[in-house]
Protein backbone atom coordinates (compact mmCIF):
# COMPACT_ATOMS: atom_id res chain seq x y z
CA MET A 1 -0.11 0.11 0.00
CA PHE A 2 2.71 2.47 0.83
CA GLY A 3 6.32 2.70 -0.18
CA SER A 4 9.13 1.03 1.55
CA LEU A 5 12.31 2.88 2.88
CA ALA A 6 14.75 0.27 1.27
CA SER A 7 16.50 2.64 -0.76
CA TRP A 8 16.86 5.27 2.07
CA SER A 9 18.29 2.48 4.47
CA LEU A 10 20.88 1.36 1.77
CA VAL A 11 22.19 4.67 1.63
CA VAL A 12 22.56 4.75 5.21
CA ALA A 13 24.23 1.32 5.16
CA LEU A 14 26.66 2.39 2.59
CA GLN A 15 27.61 5.57 4.77
CA PRO A 16 27.64 4.33 8.40
CA ALA A 17 30.08 7.01 9.53
CA ALA A 18 28.57 9.95 8.00
CA LEU A 19 25.31 11.66 8.15
CA ALA A 20 23.09 10.58 4.94
CA ALA A 21 21.26 13.04 2.74
CA GLU A 22 17.91 13.97 3.35
CA PRO A 23 15.64 11.16 3.83
CA ASP A 24 13.02 10.29 1.09
CA TRP A 25 10.16 12.00 2.74
CA LYS A 26 7.50 10.53 0.64
CA ALA A 27 8.71 6.94 1.31
CA ALA A 28 9.28 8.01 5.02
CA GLY A 29 5.69 9.47 5.34
CA ASP A 30 4.04 6.79 3.77
CA GLU A 31 5.83 4.29 6.14
CA ALA A 32 4.57 6.53 8.99
CA ALA A 33 1.12 6.19 7.38
CA SER A 34 0.99 2.48 7.29
CA VAL A 35 2.13 2.32 11.02
CA LEU A 36 -0.45 5.04 12.11
CA ALA A 37 -3.26 2.84 10.25
CA GLN A 38 -2.15 -0.19 12.25
CA TYR A 39 -1.75 1.68 15.61
CA LEU A 40 -5.29 3.13 15.05
CA GLN A 41 -6.61 -0.27 15.16
CA VAL A 42 -5.04 -0.81 18.63
CA ASP A 43 -7.99 -0.38 20.94
CA THR A 44 -6.92 2.12 23.69
CA VAL A 45 -10.22 3.93 24.40
CA ASN A 46 -10.25 5.47 27.77
CA PRO A 47 -11.81 4.36 29.93
CA ASP A 48 -10.42 1.74 30.34
CA GLY A 49 -7.32 2.45 28.41
CA ASN A 50 -5.87 -0.92 28.26
CA GLU A 51 -2.66 0.80 27.18
CA ASP A 52 -0.62 -2.31 27.51
CA ARG A 53 -1.88 -3.06 23.91
CA ALA A 54 -0.22 0.13 22.56
CA VAL A 55 3.13 -0.52 24.31
CA ALA A 56 3.31 -3.85 22.89
CA PHE A 57 2.65 -2.53 19.34
CA LEU A 58 5.32 0.41 19.73
CA GLY A 59 7.76 -2.05 21.51
CA GLY A 60 7.58 -4.55 18.54
CA ILE A 61 8.53 -1.81 15.96
CA LEU A 62 11.14 -0.54 18.20
CA ASP A 63 12.44 -4.11 18.83
CA ARG A 64 12.78 -4.50 14.91
CA GLU A 65 14.76 -1.19 14.70
CA GLY A 66 17.07 -2.25 17.48
CA ILE A 67 15.95 0.94 19.78
CA PRO A 68 15.96 -0.31 23.55
CA TRP A 69 12.77 0.42 25.53
CA VAL A 70 11.23 -0.20 28.80
CA SER A 71 7.59 -0.23 30.05
CA TYR A 72 6.34 1.26 33.28
CA PRO A 73 3.09 -0.23 34.51
CA PHE A 74 0.97 1.91 36.57
CA ALA A 75 -2.36 -0.02 36.89
CA PRO A 76 -3.61 -3.34 35.77
CA GLY A 77 -3.33 -3.58 32.00
CA ARG A 78 -1.89 -0.12 31.89
CA SER A 79 1.54 1.07 31.15
CA SER A 80 3.81 3.62 29.61
CA LEU A 81 6.90 3.29 27.25
CA VAL A 82 10.05 4.69 27.29
CA ALA A 83 12.62 4.45 24.38
CA ARG A 84 16.02 6.01 24.28
CA LEU A 85 18.72 7.05 21.68
CA THR A 86 22.05 7.74 23.54
CA GLY A 87 23.80 10.79 22.77
CA SER A 88 27.08 12.21 24.08
CA GLY A 89 25.53 13.67 27.15
CA ALA A 90 26.82 17.11 26.39
CA GLU A 91 23.21 18.44 27.04
CA PRO A 92 20.39 16.91 29.03
CA PRO A 93 18.00 14.88 27.15
CA LEU A 94 15.06 15.73 24.70
CA CYS A 95 11.65 14.02 25.27
CA LEU A 96 9.22 13.19 22.68
CA VAL A 97 5.86 12.91 24.60
CA SER A 98 2.72 11.29 23.54
CA HIS A 99 -0.21 9.56 25.00
CA THR A 100 -1.54 6.36 23.73
CA ASP A 101 -4.89 6.41 24.97
CA VAL A 102 -7.83 7.77 22.88
CA VAL A 103 -11.44 9.27 23.68
CA PRO A 104 -14.51 7.32 23.31
CA SER A 105 -16.56 7.76 19.98
CA GLU A 106 -20.02 7.31 18.72
CA PRO A 107 -19.53 4.95 15.86
CA ALA A 108 -23.01 5.39 14.56
CA PHE A 109 -22.13 8.93 13.61
CA TRP A 110 -18.85 7.84 11.70
CA PRO A 111 -18.95 6.86 7.99
CA ALA A 112 -19.71 3.15 7.96
CA GLU A 113 -16.80 2.21 5.97
CA ARG A 114 -14.69 4.12 8.35
CA PRO A 115 -15.22 3.04 11.72
CA PRO A 116 -13.34 4.78 14.80
CA LEU A 117 -10.92 1.70 15.26
CA GLY A 118 -10.69 0.92 11.73
CA GLY A 119 -7.50 2.60 10.69
CA ILE A 120 -8.84 3.00 7.11
CA VAL A 121 -6.83 4.48 4.54
CA ALA A 122 -9.11 6.14 2.00
CA ASP A 123 -9.30 9.51 -0.18
CA GLY A 124 -5.75 10.51 0.88
CA TYR A 125 -6.39 10.30 4.60
CA VAL A 126 -5.93 7.80 7.73
CA TRP A 127 -9.30 7.45 9.40
CA GLY A 128 -9.63 6.61 13.02
CA ARG A 129 -9.97 7.80 16.57
CA GLY A 130 -6.74 9.21 17.68
CA ALA A 131 -5.45 10.25 13.99
CA LEU A 132 -5.07 13.79 15.38
CA ASP A 133 -5.24 13.44 19.21
CA MET A 134 -2.75 11.94 19.34
CA LYS A 135 -1.68 8.62 17.94
CA GLY A 136 -0.59 10.48 14.56
CA MET A 137 1.78 12.66 16.39
CA GLY A 138 2.97 9.68 18.53
CA VAL A 139 3.90 8.04 15.19
CA LEU A 140 5.82 11.07 13.82
CA GLU A 141 7.72 10.95 17.14
CA LEU A 142 8.36 7.37 16.77
CA GLN A 143 9.35 7.47 13.10
CA THR A 144 11.62 10.65 13.93
CA MET A 145 13.57 8.50 16.45
CA ILE A 146 13.87 5.58 13.75
CA ALA A 147 15.05 8.20 11.15
CA LEU A 148 17.87 9.30 13.48
CA LYS A 149 18.97 5.87 14.19
CA ARG A 150 18.70 4.76 10.53
CA GLN A 151 20.51 7.92 9.34
CA GLY A 152 23.25 7.56 11.92
CA VAL A 153 22.84 11.13 13.30
CA PRO A 154 25.49 11.98 15.96
CA LEU A 155 23.60 13.23 19.09
CA ARG A 156 24.72 15.54 21.66
CA ARG A 157 21.91 14.56 23.91
CA ASP A 158 19.91 11.49 24.40
CA VAL A 159 16.46 11.71 22.68
CA ILE A 160 13.60 9.93 24.52
CA LEU A 161 10.26 8.75 23.25
CA LEU A 162 7.76 8.82 26.37
CA ALA A 163 4.65 7.36 25.36
CA VAL A 164 2.11 7.59 28.40
CA GLY A 165 -1.25 6.16 29.26
CA ASP A 166 -4.36 7.78 30.59
CA GLU A 167 -3.70 11.36 29.68
CA GLU A 168 -7.30 11.74 28.65
CA VAL A 169 -8.68 10.97 32.10
CA GLY A 170 -6.46 11.15 34.95
CA SER A 171 -2.77 11.48 33.66
CA GLY A 172 -2.05 8.17 35.54
CA GLY A 173 0.94 7.43 33.17
CA MET A 174 2.62 10.79 33.50
CA ASN A 175 1.96 10.92 37.16
CA ASP A 176 3.69 7.77 37.57
CA ILE A 177 6.60 8.96 35.37
CA VAL A 178 6.98 12.05 37.43
CA ALA A 179 6.76 10.13 40.80
CA ASN A 180 8.56 7.21 40.26
CA HIS A 181 10.95 7.37 37.10
CA TRP A 182 11.89 11.05 36.31
CA ALA A 183 15.25 10.76 37.60
CA GLU A 184 15.98 8.19 34.88
CA LEU A 185 14.67 10.73 32.09
CA GLY A 186 15.60 14.16 33.32
CA CYS A 187 14.71 15.89 29.94
CA SER A 188 15.26 19.68 30.02
CA GLN A 189 12.96 19.93 27.09
CA ALA A 190 9.92 18.18 25.78
CA ILE A 191 7.76 18.32 22.45
CA ASN A 192 4.09 17.29 23.13
CA GLU A 193 0.71 17.88 21.64
CA GLY A 194 -0.79 21.39 21.55
CA GLY A 195 -0.97 23.68 18.69
CA MET A 196 -1.01 22.79 14.90
CA GLY A 197 -1.18 24.73 11.51
CA ILE A 198 -4.68 25.83 10.77
CA ARG A 199 -5.32 27.09 7.20
CA ASP A 200 -7.23 30.32 6.73
CA LEU A 201 -7.68 30.80 10.38
CA LEU A 202 -7.00 34.66 10.52
CA PHE A 203 -6.52 35.44 6.83
CA LYS A 204 -7.59 33.75 3.56
CA GLY A 205 -4.45 31.86 2.04
CA GLN A 206 -2.37 32.07 5.19
CA THR A 207 -1.79 28.99 7.61
CA LEU A 208 -0.95 29.89 11.18
CA TYR A 209 1.14 27.42 13.06
CA GLY A 210 0.43 27.76 16.91
CA ILE A 211 3.04 26.37 19.21
CA SER A 212 1.63 25.93 22.55
CA VAL A 213 3.85 27.66 25.18
CA ALA A 214 1.07 27.81 28.02
CA GLU A 215 -1.93 25.82 28.91
CA LYS A 216 -4.91 26.94 31.02
CA GLY A 217 -5.31 25.24 34.38
CA ILE A 218 -8.43 23.31 35.35
CA ALA A 219 -11.00 23.09 37.88
CA TRP A 220 -13.57 20.27 37.42
CA VAL A 221 -16.08 20.92 39.85
CA ASP A 222 -19.35 18.64 41.28
CA MET A 223 -22.31 20.98 41.73
CA VAL A 224 -24.79 19.39 44.00
CA ALA A 225 -28.46 20.60 44.60
CA THR A 226 -30.26 19.17 47.43
CA GLY A 227 -34.07 19.20 48.39
CA PRO A 228 -36.93 17.24 49.67
CA ALA A 229 -37.53 13.81 48.01
CA GLY A 230 -41.13 13.43 46.66
CA HIS A 231 -43.70 12.15 43.92
CA GLY A 232 -43.02 13.26 40.50
CA SER A 233 -46.76 14.21 40.08
CA ARG A 234 -46.25 17.28 42.65
CA PRO A 235 -43.59 19.68 41.60
CA ALA A 236 -42.28 22.10 44.15
CA PRO A 237 -39.59 24.83 43.48
CA GLU A 238 -37.49 23.76 46.53
CA GLN A 239 -37.07 20.15 44.96
CA ALA A 240 -33.31 19.38 44.11
CA PRO A 241 -33.77 19.32 40.19
CA HIS A 242 -35.34 22.69 40.43
CA VAL A 243 -32.67 24.24 42.40
CA LEU A 244 -30.21 22.85 40.14
CA THR A 245 -31.60 24.33 37.05
CA ARG A 246 -31.59 27.76 38.59
CA ALA A 247 -27.94 27.36 39.63
CA ALA A 248 -27.20 26.45 36.14
CA ALA A 249 -29.04 29.39 34.63
CA ALA A 250 -27.10 31.80 37.03
CA LEU A 251 -23.99 30.44 35.81
CA GLU A 252 -25.14 30.97 32.13
CA ALA A 253 -25.04 34.63 32.84
CA TYR A 254 -21.33 34.58 33.60
CA ASP A 255 -19.69 37.36 31.38
CA PRO A 256 -16.32 38.35 32.41
CA LYS A 257 -13.99 40.70 30.93
CA PRO A 258 -11.27 39.60 28.58
CA ARG A 259 -7.79 39.06 29.72
CA TRP A 260 -5.20 38.90 27.06
CA HIS A 261 -2.26 36.44 27.61
CA TRP A 262 1.02 37.85 26.18
CA SER A 263 1.21 34.76 23.96
CA LEU A 264 -1.61 35.71 21.93
CA LEU A 265 -0.44 39.20 21.42
CA GLU A 266 2.98 38.21 20.34
CA LEU A 267 1.19 35.80 17.74
CA PHE A 268 -0.39 38.92 16.14
CA LYS A 269 2.77 40.81 16.05
CA ASN A 270 4.38 37.82 14.10
CA VAL A 271 1.33 38.06 11.67
CA ALA A 272 1.60 41.80 11.30
CA PRO A 273 4.77 41.77 8.84
CA THR A 274 2.84 39.43 6.43
CA GLN A 275 -0.05 42.07 6.17
CA LYS A 276 -0.47 45.61 4.69
CA GLY A 277 -1.83 49.06 5.61
CA LEU A 278 -4.01 49.26 8.57
CA THR A 279 -4.23 45.63 9.39
CA ARG A 280 -0.47 45.54 9.58
CA MET A 281 -0.63 48.88 11.86
CA VAL A 282 -3.23 47.20 14.20
CA LEU A 283 -1.54 43.78 14.63
CA GLY A 284 1.66 45.42 15.28
CA ASN A 285 0.27 47.57 18.06
CA THR A 286 -0.95 45.69 21.44
CA GLY A 287 -3.37 48.32 22.54
CA LEU A 288 -5.05 48.70 18.91
CA THR A 289 -5.27 44.82 18.38
CA LYS A 290 -6.99 44.53 21.77
CA LEU A 291 -9.41 47.33 20.87
CA ALA A 292 -9.86 45.90 17.22
CA LEU A 293 -10.38 42.23 18.02
CA ARG A 294 -11.96 42.33 21.35
CA GLY A 295 -15.64 42.00 19.70
CA ARG A 296 -14.74 39.42 17.16
CA PHE A 297 -12.67 37.22 19.60
CA MET A 298 -15.51 37.55 22.57
CA ALA A 299 -18.29 36.79 20.01
CA ASP A 300 -16.61 33.30 18.88
CA PRO A 301 -16.71 30.58 21.70
CA ALA A 302 -13.39 28.98 20.32
CA THR A 303 -11.55 32.35 20.68
CA ARG A 304 -13.63 33.38 23.69
CA ALA A 305 -12.00 30.82 25.65
CA GLU A 306 -8.64 32.32 25.16
CA LEU A 307 -9.61 35.48 27.03
CA ILE A 308 -11.49 34.42 30.02
CA ASN A 309 -11.89 31.63 32.47
CA THR A 310 -14.50 29.51 31.15
CA ILE A 311 -17.35 27.63 33.15
CA ASN A 312 -18.89 24.80 31.24
CA LEU A 313 -21.77 22.49 32.41
CA THR A 314 -20.77 19.12 30.86
CA ASN A 315 -23.31 16.64 32.33
CA PHE A 316 -26.18 16.04 34.76
CA SER A 317 -26.65 13.06 37.00
CA GLY A 318 -29.05 11.82 39.78
CA GLY A 319 -32.34 10.11 40.11
CA SER A 320 -33.56 6.80 39.09
CA SER A 321 -37.06 6.97 37.96
CA PRO A 322 -39.29 9.53 35.98
CA ASN A 323 -41.93 9.70 38.79
CA VAL A 324 -39.65 9.97 42.01
CA VAL A 325 -37.98 13.52 42.84
CA PRO A 326 -34.30 12.57 44.36
CA THR A 327 -32.87 14.35 47.37
CA GLU A 328 -29.80 15.09 45.54
CA VAL A 329 -28.73 15.75 41.86
CA HIS A 330 -25.47 16.74 40.34
CA ALA A 331 -23.96 18.53 37.49
CA THR A 332 -20.47 18.64 36.35
CA LEU A 333 -18.53 21.74 35.68
CA ASP A 334 -15.37 21.72 33.54
CA CYS A 335 -13.63 25.11 34.27
CA ARG A 336 -10.54 26.33 32.52
CA LEU A 337 -8.49 28.70 34.23
CA LEU A 338 -6.16 31.46 32.72
CA PRO A 339 -2.81 32.09 34.37
CA GLY A 340 -3.03 33.84 37.57
CA THR A 341 -6.44 31.97 38.55
CA THR A 342 -6.42 28.96 40.91
CA PRO A 343 -8.77 26.43 41.58
CA ASP A 344 -10.02 27.85 44.86
CA ASP A 345 -10.34 31.10 43.17
CA MET A 346 -12.82 29.54 40.64
CA LEU A 347 -14.57 27.82 43.60
CA ALA A 348 -15.10 30.95 45.49
CA LEU A 349 -16.54 32.63 42.23
CA LEU A 350 -18.88 29.86 41.75
CA ARG A 351 -20.24 30.14 45.34
CA SER A 352 -20.63 33.95 44.93
CA MET A 353 -22.49 33.34 41.55
CA VAL A 354 -24.88 30.77 43.25
CA PRO A 355 -25.31 31.60 47.04
CA ASP A 356 -28.27 29.20 47.45
CA PRO A 357 -27.47 26.91 50.46
CA ALA A 358 -29.07 24.30 48.86
CA VAL A 359 -26.22 24.21 46.42
CA ARG A 360 -22.54 23.02 47.17
CA PHE A 361 -19.47 23.07 45.12
CA SER A 362 -16.56 20.55 45.50
CA LEU A 363 -13.47 20.16 43.50
CA LEU A 364 -12.85 17.03 41.69
CA GLN A 365 -9.64 17.77 40.34
CA GLY A 366 -7.57 20.93 39.90
CA ARG A 367 -4.45 22.13 38.37
CA LEU A 368 -2.71 25.40 37.97
CA SER A 369 -1.73 27.03 34.65
CA ASN A 370 1.79 27.14 33.67
CA GLU A 371 3.95 28.29 30.77
CA SER A 372 7.47 28.06 29.06
CA PRO A 373 9.39 30.61 27.40
CA THR A 374 9.92 31.81 23.95
CA GLU A 375 13.51 32.51 24.49
CA ASP A 376 14.55 28.94 24.10
CA SER A 377 16.34 26.85 21.45
CA LEU A 378 13.44 24.19 21.06
CA TYR A 379 10.94 26.75 20.59
CA ARG A 380 12.95 28.41 18.10
CA ALA A 381 13.75 25.27 15.94
CA LEU A 382 9.91 24.24 15.96
CA ALA A 383 8.82 27.82 14.85
CA ARG A 384 11.59 27.93 12.08
CA ALA A 385 10.86 24.21 10.88
CA ALA A 386 6.99 25.01 10.71
CA VAL A 387 7.49 27.70 8.19
CA THR A 388 10.40 26.13 6.16
CA ASP A 389 9.67 24.18 3.10
CA ALA A 390 11.42 21.03 1.69
CA THR A 391 13.52 23.23 -0.34
CA GLY A 392 14.81 25.10 2.82
CA ALA A 393 12.87 28.55 1.66
CA VAL A 394 10.93 30.23 4.24
CA ARG A 395 7.18 30.22 3.09
CA SER A 396 5.31 33.42 2.45
CA ASP A 397 1.97 32.00 3.23
CA ALA A 398 2.73 30.59 6.83
CA VAL A 399 3.42 32.25 10.21
CA ALA A 400 4.38 30.55 13.52
CA GLY A 401 4.05 31.81 16.93
CA PRO A 402 3.20 31.15 20.63
CA ILE A 403 -0.26 30.34 21.90
CA LEU A 404 -2.11 29.69 25.18
CA SER A 405 -3.85 26.17 24.81
CA VAL A 406 -7.20 26.31 26.07
CA GLY A 407 -6.97 22.55 26.84
CA PHE A 408 -4.56 20.72 29.19
CA THR A 409 -1.89 18.27 28.35
CA ASP A 410 0.63 16.27 30.42
CA SER A 411 2.83 19.11 29.82
CA LEU A 412 1.28 20.62 32.81
CA LEU A 413 3.12 18.08 35.01
CA LEU A 414 6.42 18.57 33.27
CA ARG A 415 6.90 22.45 33.51
CA PRO A 416 6.92 22.29 37.30
CA LEU A 417 10.18 20.00 36.98
CA GLY A 418 11.97 22.59 35.08
CA VAL A 419 11.26 21.38 31.67
CA HIS A 420 10.56 23.65 28.89
CA ALA A 421 7.60 22.01 27.14
CA TYR A 422 6.07 22.85 23.91
CA GLY A 423 3.03 21.80 22.25
CA PHE A 424 3.35 21.30 18.43
CA VAL A 425 1.74 18.91 16.20
CA PRO A 426 3.00 19.56 12.77
CA PHE A 427 -0.01 19.07 10.72
CA GLU A 428 -1.57 21.97 8.46
CA VAL A 429 -5.31 21.05 8.72
CA SER A 430 -8.30 22.93 7.48
CA LEU A 431 -10.77 23.95 10.38
CA ASP A 432 -13.17 21.31 9.08
CA ASP A 433 -10.41 18.58 9.69
CA ALA A 434 -9.53 20.13 13.08
CA VAL A 435 -12.83 19.71 14.50
CA THR A 436 -12.95 15.94 14.11
CA MET A 437 -10.51 15.92 17.01
CA HIS A 438 -12.80 14.25 19.69
CA GLY A 439 -15.45 14.51 16.90
CA HIS A 440 -16.69 12.14 14.18
CA GLY A 441 -14.71 11.03 11.50
CA GLU A 442 -11.35 12.05 12.80
CA ARG A 443 -8.79 11.96 10.27
CA VAL A 444 -5.24 12.97 9.08
CA SER A 445 -4.01 13.40 5.35
CA ILE A 446 -1.13 11.31 4.15
CA ASP A 447 0.47 14.46 2.87
CA ASN A 448 0.30 15.69 6.40
CA ILE A 449 2.06 12.77 7.68
CA ARG A 450 4.89 13.24 5.22
CA GLU A 451 5.22 16.90 5.65
CA GLY A 452 4.77 16.56 9.60
CA LEU A 453 7.53 14.07 9.86
CA ARG A 454 10.02 16.04 7.82
CA ILE A 455 9.17 19.22 9.99
CA LEU A 456 9.53 17.37 13.33
CA TYR A 457 12.68 15.52 12.11
CA ALA A 458 14.38 18.83 11.01
CA ALA A 459 13.52 20.47 14.59
CA VAL A 460 14.93 17.64 16.61
CA VAL A 461 18.06 17.33 14.47
CA GLU A 462 18.65 21.10 15.06
CA VAL A 463 18.42 20.97 18.90
CA SER A 464 20.05 17.31 19.34
CA ARG A 465 22.54 16.85 16.60
CA SER A 466 26.35 16.95 17.59
């Protein structure tokens, strides 16, 4: 189905002491696409994860390439994988981070011939749950390590592949790595999921590559309403379901003022030189940018989330029968927090918005926002590789810059260890393709896999080659 790397491997074999010429990226990308198609068929839907299956799959490939690896169990049937290419030790290791679990899907809403766990290759795409989040990136990282070894690239640092489980639910894999195995890794920099290239995001014909340097924190909250139990035929305002709906309505009225993170403003400044006239002037001036874009960004839920702490009611629970009013009902709130807001701050805000004593809030999980600097060799390498084409020329239709990610990743656990962690998946997608992440018909194009592998490899070589 896909091309092989036989000719590329032969060149390397004939020149073992020297770095070979650039790989055949079409052949390398097609191999990566084939690996991804198989990887997507490995069922690691979380819950329950069963990430041992992914470790066995990845480990089998690493064994064939002669790259040593170990697995770290953190729960029955669940483990993470660590593989290493050893360098001179002149610099601390670089971590290539991915997670092996994927979110659930609704197969009935997917194309019948392209099911979530099918790993189907059709219409120039690889289809399946995890293609974008984040088995696709995991395969790029795997194949980058393989390319480094096949090419015989001399390394000034170890390059470590870190594929963890349970990122989508509880970060069990990364929590285990940080608590029990970090001394064996000790990476100073890391590449993880986060931003990617989006076509026509701000301007028609331009691709904007966001590199996540910061992530919002989280406060996952249980909102509980209580009231007298009773018969469903006798509604009363003090019953728990009615109390809960009033509380939810109060939260719907939440309308905070925007707070602009520095990364977003820096991204606009990077875009400014590509524009002309008034647009160029506005994007190059922080005050004018805020004034001009506030209305547009606050009106769109996707960009509004960049500017405010968000409160999102994601589900209800409680009660067991249509004709029985329960004493207690629950709603789950997913709150995402800008830098400077703590989970306790959010709890205090929720209580002030819903002062009803029949409603209580408790924190299910909380994490603080954190960030990494742009004055960093890895950030610069990623930004440069993103907008450099296969000929070495800088693209006139692409811009790279820092972003605040409104979602969270396991990088939140790495940055407190002193790791400069950056979220960047080197795919260039349309908005239509981007929304399939966690949605229906998730997919990534084979062209993206080829080009993404070239971009990631270039950045890793820049910061790791002797």
